[in-house]
Amino acid sequence: FEKACSLDSGDGCYAFGLMLNEEMSTNQSSQKAKKAFEKACSLKNGKACTSLGLIYAQEREVKSSNQEALKFFEKACSLNDGLGCYELGSIYAKGLGVEQSHKQAAKYHEKACSLNIGESCFTLGFWSEIGLGVKKSDQEIAKYYEKACSLGKSGGCTFIGLMYASGRGLEQSDMKAATYFEKACSLDSGDGCYAFGL
């Protein structure tokens, strides 16, 4: 991977950074990994930009780290890396180094959800239920929970199951509810298993 990186392969630099990151027994390995990720990010590898953002986010004792993390997550998201968009959504939701804004956070979670990050889809479903940063709409709630479930998020399966069971925003269907509860249970959700047993 090192040679691929020296030949300006973004994927090669990313893989080299991952390999060095795993070895991180020394500070030297850590710095080499960071340099490999920086090169990969500059070569438009979104996953490398996200990895850099995560490295800087872990270095919170350095004041500039939050801004560096934000910069790399923004680049990752602009390169359609879903995890980078998810991290941006989390930063804005918590107000870490930025003004807290659930509306801005929802924008990034929306993109992350469209890039198949199940946690963002679930977050949007939950926020839709309580009207936080997104409009309250049963159709939107169902859409987000259904997608979260399809991406393996047990909470999405449980909540869409509850919507079918009660007929809230969807045509009531005990059969569909049971299917979603069973899937939630298979994803190790205690609530899903309980609802499936009812």
Protein backbone atom coordinates (compact mmCIF):
# COMPACT_ATOMS: atom_id res chain seq x y z
CA PHE A 1 0.00 0.00 0.00
CA GLU A 2 2.92 2.32 0.69
CA LYS A 3 4.04 2.13 -2.94
CA ALA A 4 0.49 2.71 -4.19
CA CYS A 5 0.36 5.78 -1.96
CA SER A 6 3.70 7.04 -3.28
CA LEU A 7 2.17 6.73 -6.77
CA ASP A 8 -0.71 9.03 -5.73
CA SER A 9 -3.41 6.40 -5.33
CA GLY A 10 -6.01 7.77 -2.91
CA ASP A 11 -7.24 4.26 -2.14
CA GLY A 12 -3.63 3.11 -1.63
CA CYS A 13 -2.93 5.95 0.80
CA TYR A 14 -6.17 5.22 2.66
CA ALA A 15 -5.29 1.51 2.97
CA PHE A 16 -1.73 2.41 4.05
CA GLY A 17 -3.14 4.77 6.69
CA LEU A 18 -5.47 2.05 7.98
CA MET A 19 -2.59 -0.41 8.19
CA LEU A 20 -0.45 2.09 10.11
CA ASN A 21 -3.37 3.05 12.30
CA GLU A 22 -3.73 -0.59 13.36
CA GLU A 23 -0.03 -0.73 14.25
CA MET A 24 -0.22 2.49 16.29
CA SER A 25 2.19 1.17 18.91
CA THR A 26 4.34 4.27 18.52
CA ASN A 27 3.70 7.95 18.03
CA GLN A 28 5.73 7.64 14.81
CA SER A 29 3.18 5.14 13.39
CA SER A 30 0.39 7.49 14.40
CA GLN A 31 1.98 10.43 12.59
CA LYS A 32 2.67 8.31 9.49
CA ALA A 33 -0.97 7.14 9.47
CA LYS A 34 -2.15 10.74 9.75
CA LYS A 35 0.10 11.76 6.82
CA ALA A 36 -1.19 8.86 4.70
CA PHE A 37 -4.80 9.86 5.47
CA GLU A 38 -4.00 13.52 4.68
CA LYS A 39 -2.60 12.53 1.29
CA ALA A 40 -5.55 10.24 0.55
CA CYS A 41 -7.98 12.99 1.57
CA SER A 42 -6.21 15.47 -0.72
CA LEU A 43 -6.64 12.85 -3.47
CA LYS A 44 -10.42 12.98 -2.83
CA ASN A 45 -10.81 9.79 -0.79
CA GLY A 46 -13.80 10.57 1.45
CA LYS A 47 -13.17 7.69 3.87
CA ALA A 48 -9.67 9.06 4.54
CA CYS A 49 -11.13 12.51 5.24
CA THR A 50 -13.52 10.93 7.75
CA SER A 51 -10.63 9.01 9.35
CA LEU A 52 -8.72 12.29 9.74
CA GLY A 53 -11.77 13.95 11.24
CA LEU A 54 -12.05 11.13 13.78
CA ILE A 55 -8.36 11.43 14.67
CA TYR A 56 -8.73 15.16 15.29
CA ALA A 57 -11.99 14.65 17.19
CA GLN A 58 -10.12 12.32 19.58
CA GLU A 59 -7.47 15.01 20.17
CA ARG A 60 -9.92 17.31 21.97
CA GLU A 61 -7.25 18.64 24.31
CA VAL A 62 -5.78 20.59 21.39
CA LYS A 63 -8.03 23.62 20.89
CA SER A 64 -7.80 23.61 17.09
CA SER A 65 -8.75 19.92 16.91
CA ASN A 66 -12.52 20.59 16.78
CA GLN A 67 -12.08 22.91 13.80
CA GLU A 68 -9.74 20.46 12.07
CA ALA A 69 -12.20 17.61 12.65
CA LEU A 70 -15.03 19.75 11.29
CA LYS A 71 -13.00 20.66 8.19
CA PHE A 72 -12.25 17.02 7.37
CA PHE A 73 -15.80 15.83 8.06
CA GLU A 74 -17.11 18.57 5.74
CA LYS A 75 -14.73 17.46 3.00
CA ALA A 76 -15.66 13.80 3.55
CA CYS A 77 -19.36 14.62 3.32
CA SER A 78 -18.82 16.68 0.16
CA LEU A 79 -17.12 13.57 -1.27
CA ASN A 80 -20.25 11.55 -0.40
CA ASP A 81 -18.79 9.62 2.51
CA GLY A 82 -21.85 8.85 4.63
CA LEU A 83 -19.93 8.48 7.88
CA GLY A 84 -18.46 11.97 7.41
CA CYS A 85 -21.98 13.36 6.98
CA TYR A 86 -23.16 11.44 10.06
CA GLU A 87 -20.31 12.89 12.13
CA LEU A 88 -21.19 16.42 10.93
CA GLY A 89 -24.80 15.84 11.95
CA SER A 90 -23.65 14.75 15.39
CA ILE A 91 -21.35 17.77 15.77
CA TYR A 92 -24.15 20.22 14.94
CA ALA A 93 -26.68 18.38 17.12
CA LYS A 94 -24.34 18.60 20.12
CA GLY A 95 -22.88 22.02 19.30
CA LEU A 96 -19.26 20.81 19.44
CA GLY A 97 -17.18 23.76 18.30
CA VAL A 98 -20.13 25.12 16.29
CA GLU A 99 -23.40 26.76 17.16
CA GLN A 100 -25.86 24.00 18.01
CA SER A 101 -28.41 23.63 15.23
CA HIS A 102 -30.73 20.65 14.85
CA LYS A 103 -31.85 22.01 11.49
CA GLN A 104 -28.25 21.96 10.22
CA ALA A 105 -27.68 18.58 11.87
CA ALA A 106 -30.78 17.19 10.12
CA LYS A 107 -29.41 18.36 6.76
CA TYR A 108 -26.25 16.29 7.28
CA HIS A 109 -28.16 13.30 8.69
CA GLU A 110 -30.45 13.46 5.64
CA LYS A 111 -27.44 13.15 3.33
CA ALA A 112 -25.92 10.40 5.50
CA CYS A 113 -29.23 8.51 5.41
CA SER A 114 -29.32 8.83 1.62
CA LEU A 115 -25.80 7.32 1.68
CA ASN A 116 -27.11 4.35 3.71
CA ILE A 117 -26.00 5.27 7.23
CA GLY A 118 -28.73 3.60 9.27
CA GLU A 119 -28.05 5.54 12.45
CA SER A 120 -28.77 8.80 10.62
CA CYS A 121 -32.03 7.39 9.22
CA PHE A 122 -33.09 6.34 12.72
CA THR A 123 -32.12 9.75 14.15
CA LEU A 124 -34.24 11.51 11.51
CA GLY A 125 -37.21 9.25 12.27
CA PHE A 126 -36.96 10.01 15.97
CA TRP A 127 -36.46 13.73 15.38
CA SER A 128 -39.51 13.72 13.06
CA GLU A 129 -41.57 12.22 15.88
CA ILE A 130 -40.70 15.07 18.22
CA GLY A 131 -40.37 17.82 15.58
CA LEU A 132 -36.68 18.47 16.23
CA GLY A 133 -34.97 20.05 13.20
CA VAL A 134 -37.37 18.41 10.76
CA LYS A 135 -41.10 18.61 10.21
CA LYS A 136 -43.38 16.28 12.11
CA SER A 137 -44.92 13.88 9.59
CA ASP A 138 -46.02 10.28 10.02
CA GLN A 139 -45.07 9.54 6.40
CA GLU A 140 -41.53 10.90 6.95
CA ILE A 141 -41.22 9.05 10.26
CA ALA A 142 -42.23 5.78 8.61
CA LYS A 143 -39.85 6.36 5.68
CA TYR A 144 -36.87 6.95 7.98
CA TYR A 145 -37.63 4.06 10.33
CA GLU A 146 -38.21 1.68 7.43
CA LYS A 147 -34.88 2.63 5.86
CA ALA A 148 -33.08 2.39 9.22
CA CYS A 149 -34.53 -1.10 9.62
CA SER A 150 -33.47 -2.14 6.12
CA LEU A 151 -29.95 -0.99 7.06
CA GLY A 152 -29.90 -3.20 10.16
CA LYS A 153 -30.87 -0.71 12.88
CA SER A 154 -33.06 -2.62 15.33
CA GLY A 155 -34.68 0.55 16.69
CA GLY A 156 -35.95 1.39 13.21
CA CYS A 157 -37.54 -2.07 12.96
CA THR A 158 -39.16 -1.77 16.38
CA PHE A 159 -40.56 1.70 15.74
CA ILE A 160 -41.90 0.94 12.24
CA GLY A 161 -43.44 -2.21 13.75
CA LEU A 162 -45.18 -0.10 16.38
CA MET A 163 -46.50 2.22 13.66
CA TYR A 164 -47.99 -0.75 11.76
CA ALA A 165 -49.38 -2.25 14.97
CA SER A 166 -51.20 0.97 15.88
CA GLY A 167 -52.02 2.09 12.34
CA ARG A 168 -50.35 5.45 13.02
CA GLY A 169 -49.62 7.01 9.61
CA LEU A 170 -49.79 3.60 7.94
CA GLU A 171 -52.52 1.09 7.23
CA GLN A 172 -52.81 -1.03 10.40
CA SER A 173 -51.31 -4.48 9.85
CA ASP A 174 -50.54 -6.97 12.61
CA MET A 175 -48.76 -9.15 10.05
CA LYS A 176 -46.36 -6.36 8.97
CA ALA A 177 -45.87 -5.31 12.58
CA ALA A 178 -44.90 -8.87 13.53
CA THR A 179 -42.46 -9.05 10.61
CA TYR A 180 -40.70 -5.88 11.77
CA PHE A 181 -40.71 -6.97 15.43
CA GLU A 182 -39.22 -10.32 14.43
CA LYS A 183 -36.46 -8.55 12.48
CA ALA A 184 -35.79 -6.22 15.44
CA CYS A 185 -35.54 -9.27 17.70
CA SER A 186 -33.11 -10.95 15.29
CA LEU A 187 -31.02 -7.76 15.55
CA ASP A 188 -30.89 -8.23 19.36
CA SER A 189 -33.48 -5.63 20.35
CA GLY A 190 -35.08 -6.54 23.66
CA ASP A 191 -38.02 -4.25 22.86
CA GLY A 192 -38.41 -5.91 19.45
CA CYS A 193 -38.38 -9.38 21.02
CA TYR A 194 -40.92 -8.31 23.63
CA ALA A 195 -43.24 -6.80 21.01
CA PHE A 196 -42.83 -9.90 18.82
CA GLY A 197 -43.87 -12.08 21.76
CA LEU A 198 -47.09 -10.16 22.39
